[in-house]
C-alpha atoms as a PDB file:
ATOM      1  CA  MET A   1      44.115 175.897 120.572  1.00  0.00           C
ATOM      2  CA  GLY A   2      46.816 174.534 122.830  1.00  0.00           C
ATOM      3  CA  SER A   3      45.413 171.032 123.309  1.00  0.00           C
ATOM      4  CA  GLY A   4      42.129 169.179 123.670  1.00  0.00           C
ATOM      5  CA  ALA A   5      39.088 168.617 121.509  1.00  0.00           C
ATOM      6  CA  LEU A   6      36.249 170.937 120.521  1.00  0.00           C
ATOM      7  CA  GLN A   7      33.008 170.689 118.592  1.00  0.00           C
ATOM      8  CA  VAL A   8      31.625 173.627 116.634  1.00  0.00           C
ATOM      9  CA  ARG A   9      27.868 173.782 116.044  1.00  0.00           C
ATOM     10  CA  LYS A  10      25.609 176.102 114.112  1.00  0.00           C
ATOM     11  CA  GLY A  11      22.201 175.616 115.610  1.00  0.00           C
ATOM     12  CA  CYS A  12      21.925 171.887 116.227  1.00  0.00           C
ATOM     13  CA  GLU A  13      24.258 170.914 113.389  1.00  0.00           C
ATOM     14  CA  LEU A  14      27.844 169.862 114.007  1.00  0.00           C
ATOM     15  CA  VAL A  15      29.951 171.784 111.467  1.00  0.00           C
ATOM     16  CA  ASN A  16      33.475 171.128 112.693  1.00  0.00           C
ATOM     17  CA  ALA A  17      35.471 169.037 115.140  1.00  0.00           C
ATOM     18  CA  VAL A  18      38.783 170.548 116.227  1.00  0.00           C
ATOM     19  CA  ASN A  19      41.566 168.568 117.856  1.00  0.00           C
ATOM     20  CA  ARG A  20      44.716 169.920 116.235  1.00  0.00           C
ATOM     21  CA  PRO A  21      47.075 171.939 118.443  1.00  0.00           C
ATOM     22  CA  GLY A  22      47.383 175.461 117.079  1.00  0.00           C
ATOM     23  CA  ALA A  23      43.959 175.455 115.423  1.00  0.00           C
ATOM     24  CA  MET A  24      42.083 178.734 115.501  1.00  0.00           C
ATOM     25  CA  ILE A  25      38.479 179.166 116.503  1.00  0.00           C
ATOM     26  CA  GLY A  26      36.384 182.129 115.385  1.00  0.00           C
ATOM     27  CA  GLU A  27      38.670 183.158 112.527  1.00  0.00           C
ATOM     28  CA  VAL A  28      35.816 183.568 110.058  1.00  0.00           C
ATOM     29  CA  SER A  29      34.067 186.030 112.365  1.00  0.00           C
ATOM     30  CA  VAL A  30      37.301 187.975 112.765  1.00  0.00           C
ATOM     31  CA  LEU A  31      38.009 188.131 109.039  1.00  0.00           C
ATOM     32  CA  LEU A  32      34.448 189.143 108.175  1.00  0.00           C
ATOM     33  CA  ASN A  33      34.196 191.478 111.178  1.00  0.00           C
ATOM     34  CA  LYS A  34      30.973 189.784 112.243  1.00  0.00           C
ATOM     35  CA  ALA A  35      29.647 188.497 115.526  1.00  0.00           C
ATOM     36  CA  TYR A  36      30.241 184.857 116.330  1.00  0.00           C
ATOM     37  CA  ASP A  37      27.392 182.673 115.073  1.00  0.00           C
ATOM     38  CA  ALA A  38      28.504 179.233 116.210  1.00  0.00           C
ATOM     39  CA  THR A  39      28.715 177.476 119.550  1.00  0.00           C
ATOM     40  CA  VAL A  40      31.989 175.852 120.556  1.00  0.00           C
ATOM     41  CA  GLU A  41      31.978 173.095 123.162  1.00  0.00           C
ATOM     42  CA  ALA A  42      34.945 171.259 124.663  1.00  0.00           C
ATOM     43  CA  THR A  43      34.548 167.493 124.288  1.00  0.00           C
ATOM     44  CA  ALA A  44      37.746 166.785 126.230  1.00  0.00           C
ATOM     45  CA  PRO A  45      39.815 168.845 128.677  1.00  0.00           C
ATOM     46  CA  SER A  46      41.185 171.639 126.497  1.00  0.00           C
ATOM     47  CA  VAL A  47      43.701 174.455 126.761  1.00  0.00           C
ATOM     48  CA  LEU A  48      42.901 177.553 124.711  1.00  0.00           C
ATOM     49  CA  ARG A  49      44.486 180.953 124.227  1.00  0.00           C
ATOM     50  CA  HIS A  50      42.300 184.039 123.887  1.00  0.00           C
ATOM     51  CA  ALA A  51      43.209 187.103 121.828  1.00  0.00           C
ATOM     52  CA  ALA A  52      41.537 190.164 123.336  1.00  0.00           C
ATOM     53  CA  ASP A  53      42.179 192.186 120.154  1.00  0.00           C
ATOM     54  CA  ARG A  54      41.239 189.768 117.381  1.00  0.00           C
ATOM     55  CA  GLN A  55      42.291 192.000 114.487  1.00  0.00           C
ATOM     56  CA  ALA A  56      45.665 192.834 116.052  1.00  0.00           C
ATOM     57  CA  PHE A  57      46.361 189.152 116.646  1.00  0.00           C
ATOM     58  CA  LEU A  58      46.025 188.387 112.943  1.00  0.00           C
ATOM     59  CA  ALA A  59      48.297 191.317 112.090  1.00  0.00           C
ATOM     60  CA  ILE A  60      51.104 190.314 114.495  1.00  0.00           C
ATOM     61  CA  ASP A  61      52.798 187.914 112.121  1.00  0.00           C
ATOM     62  CA  PRO A  62      52.089 187.137 108.443  1.00  0.00           C
ATOM     63  CA  GLU A  63      52.523 183.439 109.272  1.00  0.00           C
ATOM     64  CA  ILE A  64      49.415 183.560 111.477  1.00  0.00           C
ATOM     65  CA  SER A  65      47.356 184.971 108.611  1.00  0.00           C
ATOM     66  CA  ARG A  66      48.849 182.389 106.234  1.00  0.00           C
ATOM     67  CA  LEU A  67      47.847 179.545 108.566  1.00  0.00           C
ATOM     68  CA  VAL A  68      44.303 180.918 108.763  1.00  0.00           C
ATOM     69  CA  ALA A  69      44.189 181.202 104.963  1.00  0.00           C
ATOM     70  CA  VAL A  70      45.404 177.612 104.524  1.00  0.00           C
ATOM     71  CA  ASP A  71      42.813 176.305 107.008  1.00  0.00           C
ATOM     72  CA  LEU A  72      40.024 178.188 105.241  1.00  0.00           C
ATOM     73  CA  ALA A  73      41.226 177.073 101.799  1.00  0.00           C
ATOM     74  CA  GLU A  74      41.232 173.441 102.958  1.00  0.00           C
ATOM     75  CA  LEU A  75      37.715 173.826 104.330  1.00  0.00           C
ATOM     76  CA  LEU A  76      36.426 175.473 101.141  1.00  0.00           C
ATOM     77  CA  ASN A  77      38.093 172.791  99.025  1.00  0.00           C
ATOM     78  CA  PHE A  78      36.480 170.058 101.118  1.00  0.00           C
ATOM     79  CA  VAL A  79      33.012 171.640 100.973  1.00  0.00           C
ATOM     80  CA  SER A  80      33.078 172.387  97.249  1.00  0.00           C
ATOM     81  CA  SER A  81      34.470 168.910  96.432  1.00  0.00           C
ATOM     82  CA  TYR A  82      31.829 167.297  98.635  1.00  0.00           C
ATOM     83  CA  LEU A  83      29.021 169.256  97.005  1.00  0.00           C
ATOM     84  CA  SER A  84      30.337 168.452  93.539  1.00  0.00           C
ATOM     85  CA  ASP A  85      30.568 164.738  94.371  1.00  0.00           C
ATOM     86  CA  LEU A  86      27.093 164.834  95.901  1.00  0.00           C
ATOM     87  CA  LYS A  87      25.689 166.420  92.749  1.00  0.00           C
ATOM     88  CA  HIS A  88      27.525 163.926  90.526  1.00  0.00           C
ATOM     89  CA  GLN A  89      26.324 160.870  92.469  1.00  0.00           C
ATOM     90  CA  TYR A  90      22.833 161.900  93.531  1.00  0.00           C
ATOM     91  CA  GLY A  91      22.021 165.013  91.503  1.00  0.00           C
ATOM     92  CA  ASP A  92      18.558 163.881  90.453  1.00  0.00           C
ATOM     93  CA  ALA A  93      17.488 162.700  93.919  1.00  0.00           C
ATOM     94  CA  PRO A  94      14.603 164.603  95.504  1.00  0.00           C
ATOM     95  CA  GLY A  95      15.783 167.367  97.802  1.00  0.00           C
ATOM     96  CA  LEU A  96      19.222 167.702  96.221  1.00  0.00           C
ATOM     97  CA  ALA A  97      18.287 170.091  93.424  1.00  0.00           C
ATOM     98  CA  MET A  98      19.638 172.932  95.535  1.00  0.00           C
ATOM     99  CA  VAL A  99      23.201 171.537  95.338  1.00  0.00           C
ATOM    100  CA  SER A 100      23.588 172.969  91.818  1.00  0.00           C
ATOM    101  CA  ASP A 101      22.424 176.364  93.093  1.00  0.00           C
ATOM    102  CA  VAL A 102      24.925 176.272  95.971  1.00  0.00           C
ATOM    103  CA  LEU A 103      27.795 175.359  93.628  1.00  0.00           C
ATOM    104  CA  LYS A 104      26.763 178.139  91.233  1.00  0.00           C
ATOM    105  CA  GLN A 105      26.670 180.666  94.088  1.00  0.00           C
ATOM    106  CA  LEU A 106      30.151 179.582  95.224  1.00  0.00           C
ATOM    107  CA  ALA A 107      31.489 179.950  91.681  1.00  0.00           C
ATOM    108  CA  LEU A 108      29.879 183.335  91.038  1.00  0.00           C
ATOM    109  CA  ARG A 109      30.595 184.915  94.425  1.00  0.00           C
ATOM    110  CA  GLN A 110      33.106 187.662  93.857  1.00  0.00           C
ATOM    111  CA  ALA A 111      34.956 189.905  96.259  1.00  0.00           C
ATOM    112  CA  PRO A 112      34.587 193.662  95.881  1.00  0.00           C
ATOM    113  CA  LEU A 113      36.613 195.093  93.010  1.00  0.00           C
ATOM    114  CA  ALA A 114      40.192 195.907  93.888  1.00  0.00           C
ATOM    115  CA  ARG A 115      41.067 199.576  93.847  1.00  0.00           C
ATOM    116  CA  PRO A 116      44.604 200.622  92.903  1.00  0.00           C
ATOM    117  CA  GLY A 117      46.537 202.553  95.507  1.00  0.00           C
ATOM    118  CA  SER A 118      48.713 202.258  98.566  1.00  0.00           C
ATOM    119  CA  ALA A 119      49.483 204.133 101.772  1.00  0.00           C
ATOM    120  CA  ARG A 120      52.143 206.115  99.872  1.00  0.00           C
ATOM    121  CA  ASP A 121      49.981 206.827  96.837  1.00  0.00           C
ATOM    122  CA  PRO A 122      46.303 206.486  97.801  1.00  0.00           C
ATOM    123  CA  ASP A 123      45.075 207.949  94.481  1.00  0.00           C
ATOM    124  CA  PRO A 124      47.419 206.702  91.744  1.00  0.00           C
ATOM    125  CA  ASP A 125      45.063 207.714  88.922  1.00  0.00           C
ATOM    126  CA  SER A 126      45.387 211.440  89.592  1.00  0.00           C
END
């Protein structure tokens, strides 16, 4: 984002407010190779840049990917800390029993197993 202010909604719920120059929108969809599933609305006059080839844009410069990773790490840290605090303060309140399940799912969610190899040696075990 060049300048301005945006709101990101999933359904009717506000999930993010963006007003930082250089912020990226839609990075999760790009990384997961999924369709966009949020609505972004400008709440002030905004200047945005569009990358026609989303995957190529992330590959242009490692710094771009690092910035995306830092943004996502900050968001995950905020969400997991918030859920943990919520559980600690109000864990026995009706309707909040699912917080423990969400935290457990976050902790147990694992990426696919890494496979050794590289472009030079795609099958190092043979």
